[in-house]
N, C-alpha and C. Protein backbone atom coordinates (compact mmCIF):
# COMPACT_ATOMS: atom_id res chain seq x y z
N MET A 1 32.16 0.88 10.37
CA MET A 1 31.72 1.99 9.55
C MET A 1 32.68 3.14 9.76
N ALA A 2 33.07 3.76 8.67
CA ALA A 2 34.03 4.86 8.75
C ALA A 2 33.38 6.07 9.38
N GLU A 3 34.20 6.84 10.07
CA GLU A 3 33.68 8.03 10.73
C GLU A 3 33.17 9.01 9.67
N GLY A 4 32.02 9.59 9.91
CA GLY A 4 31.45 10.55 8.99
C GLY A 4 30.55 9.92 7.94
N SER A 5 30.64 8.59 7.77
CA SER A 5 29.75 7.97 6.78
C SER A 5 28.42 7.66 7.44
N SER A 6 27.39 7.70 6.64
CA SER A 6 26.06 7.44 7.20
C SER A 6 25.74 5.96 7.11
N PRO A 7 24.94 5.44 8.03
CA PRO A 7 24.55 4.03 7.98
C PRO A 7 23.71 3.80 6.73
N ASN A 8 23.76 2.57 6.21
CA ASN A 8 22.99 2.30 5.00
C ASN A 8 21.49 2.30 5.31
N LEU A 9 20.71 2.24 4.25
CA LEU A 9 19.26 2.34 4.36
C LEU A 9 18.68 1.29 5.31
N ARG A 10 19.17 0.07 5.24
CA ARG A 10 18.64 -1.00 6.09
C ARG A 10 18.89 -0.72 7.56
N GLN A 11 20.04 -0.18 7.89
CA GLN A 11 20.36 0.11 9.29
C GLN A 11 19.56 1.31 9.81
N GLN A 12 19.23 2.24 8.95
CA GLN A 12 18.49 3.43 9.37
C GLN A 12 17.06 3.09 9.76
N ARG A 13 16.45 2.11 9.13
CA ARG A 13 15.03 1.84 9.31
C ARG A 13 14.72 0.87 10.43
N ARG A 14 15.57 -0.07 10.68
CA ARG A 14 15.27 -1.11 11.66
C ARG A 14 15.58 -0.60 13.06
N ALA A 15 14.64 -0.76 13.94
CA ALA A 15 14.83 -0.30 15.32
C ALA A 15 15.93 -1.14 15.98
N PRO A 16 16.66 -0.54 16.91
CA PRO A 16 17.72 -1.29 17.59
C PRO A 16 17.17 -2.53 18.28
N GLY A 17 17.84 -3.64 18.10
CA GLY A 17 17.45 -4.88 18.77
C GLY A 17 16.30 -5.61 18.10
N VAL A 18 15.76 -5.08 17.00
CA VAL A 18 14.65 -5.73 16.31
C VAL A 18 15.20 -6.45 15.09
N ALA A 19 15.03 -7.74 15.07
CA ALA A 19 15.49 -8.53 13.94
C ALA A 19 14.31 -9.31 13.37
N ARG A 20 14.36 -9.56 12.11
CA ARG A 20 13.31 -10.36 11.49
C ARG A 20 13.51 -11.81 11.87
N SER A 21 12.42 -12.49 12.16
CA SER A 21 12.54 -13.87 12.61
C SER A 21 12.74 -14.83 11.45
N ARG A 22 12.21 -14.47 10.26
CA ARG A 22 12.39 -15.35 9.11
C ARG A 22 12.16 -14.56 7.83
N GLN A 23 12.64 -15.12 6.75
CA GLN A 23 12.47 -14.48 5.45
C GLN A 23 11.32 -15.16 4.72
N LEU A 24 10.38 -14.39 4.24
CA LEU A 24 9.25 -14.92 3.48
C LEU A 24 9.50 -14.67 2.00
N ARG A 25 9.08 -15.59 1.17
CA ARG A 25 9.24 -15.45 -0.27
C ARG A 25 7.90 -15.66 -0.94
N PRO A 26 7.57 -14.96 -1.97
CA PRO A 26 8.25 -13.78 -2.48
C PRO A 26 8.09 -12.61 -1.52
N ARG A 27 8.96 -11.64 -1.64
CA ARG A 27 8.95 -10.49 -0.76
C ARG A 27 8.07 -9.38 -1.35
N SER A 28 7.58 -8.52 -0.49
CA SER A 28 6.76 -7.40 -0.93
C SER A 28 7.63 -6.35 -1.59
N ILE A 29 7.15 -5.81 -2.69
CA ILE A 29 7.86 -4.73 -3.37
C ILE A 29 7.95 -3.51 -2.46
N PHE A 30 7.07 -3.43 -1.46
CA PHE A 30 7.05 -2.30 -0.54
C PHE A 30 7.98 -2.48 0.66
N ASP A 31 8.72 -3.59 0.70
CA ASP A 31 9.74 -3.78 1.73
C ASP A 31 11.00 -3.10 1.22
N GLU A 32 11.12 -1.83 1.54
CA GLU A 32 12.17 -0.99 0.97
C GLU A 32 13.57 -1.50 1.30
N ASP A 33 13.76 -1.99 2.50
CA ASP A 33 15.08 -2.50 2.88
C ASP A 33 15.47 -3.70 2.03
N GLU A 34 14.54 -4.63 1.85
CA GLU A 34 14.81 -5.84 1.06
C GLU A 34 15.04 -5.49 -0.41
N LEU A 35 14.24 -4.59 -0.95
CA LEU A 35 14.39 -4.20 -2.35
C LEU A 35 15.72 -3.47 -2.56
N ASP A 36 16.09 -2.63 -1.61
CA ASP A 36 17.38 -1.95 -1.68
C ASP A 36 18.52 -2.97 -1.70
N ALA A 37 18.46 -3.95 -0.81
CA ALA A 37 19.51 -4.97 -0.73
C ALA A 37 19.56 -5.80 -2.02
N ALA A 38 18.41 -6.10 -2.57
CA ALA A 38 18.36 -6.89 -3.81
C ALA A 38 18.95 -6.10 -4.98
N MET A 39 18.67 -4.81 -5.03
CA MET A 39 19.24 -3.97 -6.09
C MET A 39 20.77 -3.92 -5.95
N GLU A 40 21.23 -3.81 -4.72
CA GLU A 40 22.67 -3.80 -4.49
C GLU A 40 23.28 -5.14 -4.93
N ALA A 41 22.59 -6.25 -4.67
CA ALA A 41 23.08 -7.58 -5.02
C ALA A 41 23.16 -7.80 -6.54
N VAL A 42 22.28 -7.12 -7.30
CA VAL A 42 22.33 -7.30 -8.76
C VAL A 42 23.20 -6.25 -9.44
N GLY A 43 23.92 -5.45 -8.64
CA GLY A 43 24.92 -4.57 -9.22
C GLY A 43 24.66 -3.08 -9.18
N VAL A 44 23.61 -2.63 -8.53
CA VAL A 44 23.39 -1.18 -8.39
C VAL A 44 24.15 -0.77 -7.13
N ALA A 45 25.39 -0.37 -7.32
CA ALA A 45 26.28 -0.14 -6.18
C ALA A 45 26.02 1.18 -5.47
N SER A 46 25.66 2.21 -6.20
CA SER A 46 25.49 3.53 -5.62
C SER A 46 24.20 3.62 -4.81
N ALA A 47 24.33 4.02 -3.55
CA ALA A 47 23.15 4.20 -2.69
C ALA A 47 22.23 5.27 -3.25
N THR A 48 22.81 6.30 -3.85
CA THR A 48 22.01 7.38 -4.46
C THR A 48 21.19 6.83 -5.62
N ALA A 49 21.79 6.00 -6.45
CA ALA A 49 21.07 5.41 -7.58
C ALA A 49 19.96 4.48 -7.09
N ARG A 50 20.25 3.70 -6.05
CA ARG A 50 19.22 2.79 -5.52
C ARG A 50 18.03 3.59 -4.98
N ARG A 51 18.29 4.67 -4.25
CA ARG A 51 17.20 5.51 -3.73
C ARG A 51 16.39 6.11 -4.87
N ARG A 52 17.08 6.54 -5.93
CA ARG A 52 16.38 7.10 -7.09
C ARG A 52 15.49 6.04 -7.75
N HIS A 53 16.00 4.82 -7.89
CA HIS A 53 15.21 3.74 -8.50
C HIS A 53 14.04 3.34 -7.61
N LEU A 54 14.28 3.30 -6.29
CA LEU A 54 13.18 3.00 -5.36
C LEU A 54 12.07 4.04 -5.50
N SER A 55 12.44 5.30 -5.52
CA SER A 55 11.44 6.37 -5.66
C SER A 55 10.69 6.25 -6.96
N SER A 56 11.39 5.94 -8.01
CA SER A 56 10.76 5.79 -9.33
C SER A 56 9.76 4.62 -9.33
N ILE A 57 10.16 3.50 -8.74
CA ILE A 57 9.28 2.33 -8.67
C ILE A 57 8.02 2.67 -7.88
N TYR A 58 8.17 3.25 -6.70
CA TYR A 58 7.02 3.56 -5.85
C TYR A 58 6.12 4.62 -6.48
N ARG A 59 6.72 5.62 -7.10
CA ARG A 59 5.93 6.66 -7.75
C ARG A 59 5.08 6.04 -8.88
N CYS A 60 5.69 5.17 -9.67
CA CYS A 60 4.97 4.54 -10.77
C CYS A 60 3.84 3.64 -10.28
N ILE A 61 4.09 2.90 -9.22
CA ILE A 61 3.06 2.00 -8.68
C ILE A 61 1.92 2.80 -8.04
N LEU A 62 2.27 3.71 -7.15
CA LEU A 62 1.27 4.39 -6.34
C LEU A 62 0.56 5.54 -7.06
N GLN A 63 1.26 6.28 -7.89
CA GLN A 63 0.64 7.43 -8.54
C GLN A 63 0.10 7.11 -9.92
N ARG A 64 0.77 6.22 -10.65
CA ARG A 64 0.34 5.94 -12.02
C ARG A 64 -0.31 4.57 -12.17
N GLY A 65 -0.29 3.76 -11.12
CA GLY A 65 -0.94 2.45 -11.19
C GLY A 65 -0.21 1.44 -12.08
N VAL A 66 1.08 1.63 -12.27
CA VAL A 66 1.86 0.74 -13.11
C VAL A 66 1.94 -0.64 -12.48
N ILE A 67 1.70 -1.67 -13.29
CA ILE A 67 1.85 -3.04 -12.79
C ILE A 67 2.83 -3.85 -13.63
N SER A 68 3.38 -3.24 -14.66
CA SER A 68 4.40 -3.89 -15.48
C SER A 68 5.72 -3.15 -15.28
N TRP A 69 6.76 -3.90 -15.00
CA TRP A 69 8.06 -3.29 -14.74
C TRP A 69 8.61 -2.61 -15.99
N ASP A 70 8.13 -3.01 -17.15
CA ASP A 70 8.55 -2.36 -18.39
C ASP A 70 8.10 -0.91 -18.45
N ASP A 71 7.07 -0.56 -17.68
CA ASP A 71 6.54 0.81 -17.68
C ASP A 71 7.23 1.72 -16.67
N VAL A 72 8.18 1.19 -15.92
CA VAL A 72 8.94 2.02 -14.97
C VAL A 72 10.19 2.52 -15.70
N PRO A 73 10.30 3.84 -15.89
CA PRO A 73 11.41 4.36 -16.68
C PRO A 73 12.76 4.26 -15.97
N ASP A 74 13.79 4.11 -16.76
CA ASP A 74 15.19 4.18 -16.32
C ASP A 74 15.62 3.12 -15.31
N LEU A 75 14.94 1.98 -15.28
CA LEU A 75 15.41 0.89 -14.41
C LEU A 75 16.55 0.16 -15.09
N PRO A 76 17.61 -0.15 -14.36
CA PRO A 76 18.67 -0.95 -14.97
C PRO A 76 18.13 -2.32 -15.39
N LYS A 77 18.73 -2.88 -16.44
CA LYS A 77 18.26 -4.17 -16.97
C LYS A 77 18.27 -5.26 -15.91
N ALA A 78 19.29 -5.27 -15.06
CA ALA A 78 19.39 -6.31 -14.03
C ALA A 78 18.24 -6.20 -13.02
N VAL A 79 17.87 -4.97 -12.66
CA VAL A 79 16.77 -4.76 -11.71
C VAL A 79 15.45 -5.15 -12.37
N ARG A 80 15.27 -4.73 -13.61
CA ARG A 80 14.04 -5.06 -14.35
C ARG A 80 13.88 -6.57 -14.46
N ALA A 81 14.97 -7.28 -14.77
CA ALA A 81 14.93 -8.75 -14.89
C ALA A 81 14.59 -9.40 -13.55
N MET A 82 15.18 -8.87 -12.47
CA MET A 82 14.92 -9.42 -11.14
C MET A 82 13.43 -9.28 -10.79
N LEU A 83 12.85 -8.12 -11.09
CA LEU A 83 11.45 -7.86 -10.76
C LEU A 83 10.49 -8.60 -11.69
N ALA A 84 10.85 -8.73 -12.96
CA ALA A 84 9.96 -9.30 -13.96
C ALA A 84 9.61 -10.76 -13.68
N GLY A 85 10.48 -11.50 -13.07
CA GLY A 85 10.20 -12.92 -12.82
C GLY A 85 9.09 -13.17 -11.82
N GLY A 86 8.87 -12.23 -10.91
CA GLY A 86 7.83 -12.40 -9.91
C GLY A 86 8.19 -13.41 -8.83
N GLN A 87 9.40 -13.91 -8.86
CA GLN A 87 9.82 -14.89 -7.86
C GLN A 87 10.39 -14.21 -6.62
N GLU A 88 10.97 -13.04 -6.79
CA GLU A 88 11.61 -12.34 -5.68
C GLU A 88 10.69 -11.33 -5.02
N PHE A 89 10.00 -10.50 -5.83
CA PHE A 89 9.17 -9.41 -5.30
C PHE A 89 7.82 -9.40 -6.00
N VAL A 90 6.77 -9.13 -5.21
CA VAL A 90 5.41 -9.04 -5.74
C VAL A 90 4.72 -7.80 -5.17
N LEU A 91 3.67 -7.35 -5.84
CA LEU A 91 2.93 -6.18 -5.37
C LEU A 91 2.13 -6.47 -4.10
N THR A 92 1.54 -7.64 -4.02
CA THR A 92 0.76 -7.98 -2.83
C THR A 92 1.20 -9.34 -2.29
N THR A 93 1.27 -9.43 -0.98
CA THR A 93 1.66 -10.69 -0.35
C THR A 93 0.54 -11.25 0.51
N SER A 94 -0.59 -10.58 0.52
CA SER A 94 -1.74 -11.07 1.30
C SER A 94 -2.95 -11.14 0.36
N ARG A 95 -4.01 -11.80 0.84
CA ARG A 95 -5.20 -11.92 0.00
C ARG A 95 -6.45 -11.86 0.87
N VAL A 96 -7.52 -11.37 0.27
CA VAL A 96 -8.80 -11.27 0.96
C VAL A 96 -9.51 -12.62 0.85
N LEU A 97 -9.84 -13.22 2.00
CA LEU A 97 -10.53 -14.50 2.02
C LEU A 97 -12.05 -14.33 2.04
N GLN A 98 -12.52 -13.36 2.81
CA GLN A 98 -13.96 -13.12 2.93
C GLN A 98 -14.22 -11.62 2.97
N GLN A 99 -15.39 -11.25 2.45
CA GLN A 99 -15.80 -9.85 2.50
C GLN A 99 -17.29 -9.81 2.81
N GLN A 100 -17.65 -9.01 3.81
CA GLN A 100 -19.06 -8.81 4.18
C GLN A 100 -19.34 -7.33 4.15
N ASN A 101 -20.38 -6.94 3.39
CA ASN A 101 -20.76 -5.54 3.31
C ASN A 101 -22.06 -5.31 4.08
N ALA A 102 -22.11 -4.22 4.83
CA ALA A 102 -23.35 -3.86 5.53
C ALA A 102 -24.39 -3.47 4.48
N LYS A 103 -25.66 -3.70 4.80
CA LYS A 103 -26.73 -3.39 3.86
C LYS A 103 -26.75 -1.92 3.46
N ASP A 104 -26.42 -1.04 4.39
CA ASP A 104 -26.45 0.39 4.08
C ASP A 104 -25.13 0.90 3.49
N GLY A 105 -24.17 0.02 3.29
CA GLY A 105 -22.91 0.41 2.68
C GLY A 105 -21.95 1.14 3.60
N SER A 106 -22.28 1.21 4.88
CA SER A 106 -21.46 1.99 5.80
C SER A 106 -20.20 1.26 6.24
N THR A 107 -20.19 -0.06 6.22
CA THR A 107 -19.01 -0.81 6.66
C THR A 107 -18.77 -2.00 5.75
N THR A 108 -17.52 -2.41 5.71
CA THR A 108 -17.11 -3.64 5.02
C THR A 108 -16.17 -4.37 5.95
N LYS A 109 -16.47 -5.63 6.21
CA LYS A 109 -15.61 -6.45 7.06
C LYS A 109 -14.82 -7.39 6.16
N LEU A 110 -13.52 -7.45 6.38
CA LEU A 110 -12.64 -8.28 5.57
C LEU A 110 -11.90 -9.28 6.44
N MET A 111 -11.75 -10.49 5.93
CA MET A 111 -10.87 -11.49 6.51
C MET A 111 -9.69 -11.60 5.55
N ILE A 112 -8.51 -11.27 6.02
CA ILE A 112 -7.32 -11.22 5.17
C ILE A 112 -6.32 -12.28 5.63
N GLU A 113 -5.79 -13.02 4.67
CA GLU A 113 -4.74 -13.99 4.98
C GLU A 113 -3.40 -13.38 4.61
N LEU A 114 -2.52 -13.32 5.58
CA LEU A 114 -1.20 -12.76 5.37
C LEU A 114 -0.28 -13.80 4.73
N GLN A 115 0.85 -13.37 4.29
CA GLN A 115 1.79 -14.24 3.58
C GLN A 115 2.22 -15.44 4.42
N ASP A 116 2.32 -15.26 5.73
CA ASP A 116 2.77 -16.35 6.59
C ASP A 116 1.63 -17.27 7.03
N GLY A 117 0.42 -17.05 6.48
CA GLY A 117 -0.72 -17.91 6.81
C GLY A 117 -1.59 -17.38 7.93
N GLN A 118 -1.11 -16.41 8.67
CA GLN A 118 -1.92 -15.82 9.74
C GLN A 118 -3.09 -15.06 9.11
N ARG A 119 -4.18 -14.98 9.85
CA ARG A 119 -5.37 -14.28 9.37
C ARG A 119 -5.71 -13.13 10.29
N ILE A 120 -6.15 -12.05 9.68
CA ILE A 120 -6.59 -10.89 10.45
C ILE A 120 -7.95 -10.45 9.94
N GLU A 121 -8.72 -9.86 10.81
CA GLU A 121 -10.02 -9.32 10.44
C GLU A 121 -9.96 -7.81 10.62
N THR A 122 -10.49 -7.10 9.64
CA THR A 122 -10.48 -5.65 9.71
C THR A 122 -11.82 -5.12 9.21
N VAL A 123 -12.15 -3.91 9.63
CA VAL A 123 -13.41 -3.30 9.22
C VAL A 123 -13.12 -1.93 8.63
N ILE A 124 -13.69 -1.69 7.46
CA ILE A 124 -13.62 -0.38 6.82
C ILE A 124 -14.91 0.34 7.17
N MET A 125 -14.79 1.52 7.77
CA MET A 125 -15.96 2.30 8.18
C MET A 125 -16.02 3.56 7.33
N ARG A 126 -17.16 3.79 6.71
CA ARG A 126 -17.33 4.95 5.84
C ARG A 126 -18.24 5.96 6.52
N TYR A 127 -17.78 7.21 6.57
CA TYR A 127 -18.57 8.29 7.13
C TYR A 127 -18.73 9.38 6.08
N GLY A 128 -19.95 9.84 5.90
CA GLY A 128 -20.18 10.97 5.02
C GLY A 128 -20.25 10.64 3.55
N GLU A 129 -19.92 9.44 3.14
CA GLU A 129 -19.96 9.07 1.73
C GLU A 129 -21.24 8.32 1.38
N VAL A 130 -21.90 7.79 2.35
CA VAL A 130 -23.12 7.02 2.11
C VAL A 130 -24.23 7.56 2.99
N GLU A 131 -25.45 7.33 2.58
CA GLU A 131 -26.57 7.75 3.40
C GLU A 131 -26.94 6.59 4.32
N LEU A 132 -26.65 6.75 5.57
CA LEU A 132 -26.90 5.71 6.54
C LEU A 132 -28.33 5.81 7.05
N ALA A 133 -28.89 4.68 7.40
CA ALA A 133 -30.24 4.67 7.96
C ALA A 133 -30.28 5.49 9.25
N SER A 134 -29.15 5.60 9.93
CA SER A 134 -29.13 6.30 11.21
C SER A 134 -28.81 7.79 11.06
N PHE A 135 -28.68 8.30 9.82
CA PHE A 135 -28.47 9.75 9.63
C PHE A 135 -29.66 10.50 10.21
N PRO A 136 -29.41 11.63 10.82
CA PRO A 136 -30.52 12.46 11.30
C PRO A 136 -31.38 12.91 10.11
N GLU A 137 -32.66 13.04 10.33
CA GLU A 137 -33.58 13.41 9.26
C GLU A 137 -33.17 14.71 8.57
N GLU A 138 -32.71 15.68 9.35
CA GLU A 138 -32.29 16.96 8.75
C GLU A 138 -31.14 16.77 7.76
N GLU A 139 -30.24 15.83 8.03
CA GLU A 139 -29.13 15.56 7.11
C GLU A 139 -29.65 14.91 5.83
N LYS A 140 -30.60 14.01 5.95
CA LYS A 140 -31.18 13.38 4.76
C LYS A 140 -31.86 14.43 3.88
N GLN A 141 -32.58 15.37 4.50
CA GLN A 141 -33.24 16.42 3.73
C GLN A 141 -32.21 17.34 3.07
N LYS A 142 -31.17 17.66 3.79
CA LYS A 142 -30.10 18.49 3.24
C LYS A 142 -29.48 17.82 2.02
N ARG A 143 -29.26 16.53 2.11
CA ARG A 143 -28.69 15.79 0.99
C ARG A 143 -29.62 15.82 -0.21
N ALA A 144 -30.90 15.62 0.01
CA ALA A 144 -31.88 15.63 -1.08
C ALA A 144 -31.88 16.98 -1.79
N LYS A 145 -31.81 18.08 -1.03
CA LYS A 145 -31.78 19.42 -1.62
C LYS A 145 -30.50 19.63 -2.43
N GLU A 146 -29.37 19.20 -1.89
CA GLU A 146 -28.09 19.43 -2.56
C GLU A 146 -27.94 18.60 -3.82
N LEU A 147 -28.56 17.44 -3.86
CA LEU A 147 -28.43 16.58 -5.03
C LEU A 147 -29.43 16.93 -6.12
N ASP A 148 -30.46 17.70 -5.81
CA ASP A 148 -31.44 18.10 -6.82
C ASP A 148 -30.75 18.94 -7.89
N GLY A 149 -30.72 18.42 -9.11
CA GLY A 149 -30.16 19.16 -10.22
C GLY A 149 -28.65 19.19 -10.28
N SER A 150 -27.96 18.54 -9.40
CA SER A 150 -26.49 18.51 -9.48
C SER A 150 -26.00 17.10 -9.23
N ASN A 151 -24.81 16.86 -9.66
CA ASN A 151 -24.21 15.54 -9.44
C ASN A 151 -23.15 15.58 -8.36
N ARG A 152 -23.14 16.67 -7.59
CA ARG A 152 -22.17 16.78 -6.50
C ARG A 152 -22.50 15.80 -5.40
N PRO A 153 -21.52 15.07 -4.92
CA PRO A 153 -21.82 14.17 -3.80
C PRO A 153 -22.00 14.96 -2.50
N PHE A 154 -22.89 14.50 -1.68
CA PHE A 154 -23.12 15.09 -0.37
C PHE A 154 -22.07 14.56 0.59
N ARG A 155 -21.51 15.42 1.40
CA ARG A 155 -20.55 15.00 2.41
C ARG A 155 -20.95 15.62 3.73
N SER A 156 -21.25 14.76 4.67
CA SER A 156 -21.63 15.24 6.00
C SER A 156 -20.39 15.33 6.88
N ASN A 157 -20.34 16.33 7.73
CA ASN A 157 -19.24 16.41 8.69
C ASN A 157 -19.68 15.87 10.03
N LYS A 158 -20.87 15.29 10.08
CA LYS A 158 -21.38 14.71 11.33
C LYS A 158 -21.31 13.19 11.23
N ARG A 159 -20.98 12.57 12.32
CA ARG A 159 -20.92 11.13 12.37
C ARG A 159 -22.28 10.52 12.61
N ALA A 160 -22.53 9.40 11.99
CA ALA A 160 -23.75 8.65 12.26
C ALA A 160 -23.55 7.88 13.55
N THR A 161 -24.58 7.86 14.40
CA THR A 161 -24.43 7.13 15.66
C THR A 161 -25.48 6.08 15.78
């Protein structure tokens, strides 16, 4: 690397001594290093242009909910074609195998299968958005008063125990 030049995006993100053990296909669209390298491989030579396209892709997906590459503005034809096939990059690489919801809506347990076949279990815990059976009586009364005549949701700053 020439003196004064900055390391490329892939070198900046990976911790020293950490290497990927294998390549999984299709790759996640959120693997910024892989997407950057793929854009470079299809002819987007400028690092500035690649960063701009990455930002545009992520902004469209995360802020606007875009799921069609045709809806991402200003993508080069080669990048759009690479993404459109769905063989190289996808929005999700894992899937939910099981879902269990608590009766009171306070938790959801998920069994997720990752792209490599490994499975993980996770729990989503909700506080203040649902009326739990274990809420203190005074909080339940407060919620009833606040919801009378309004559609404002009640939000407690106290945890249910």
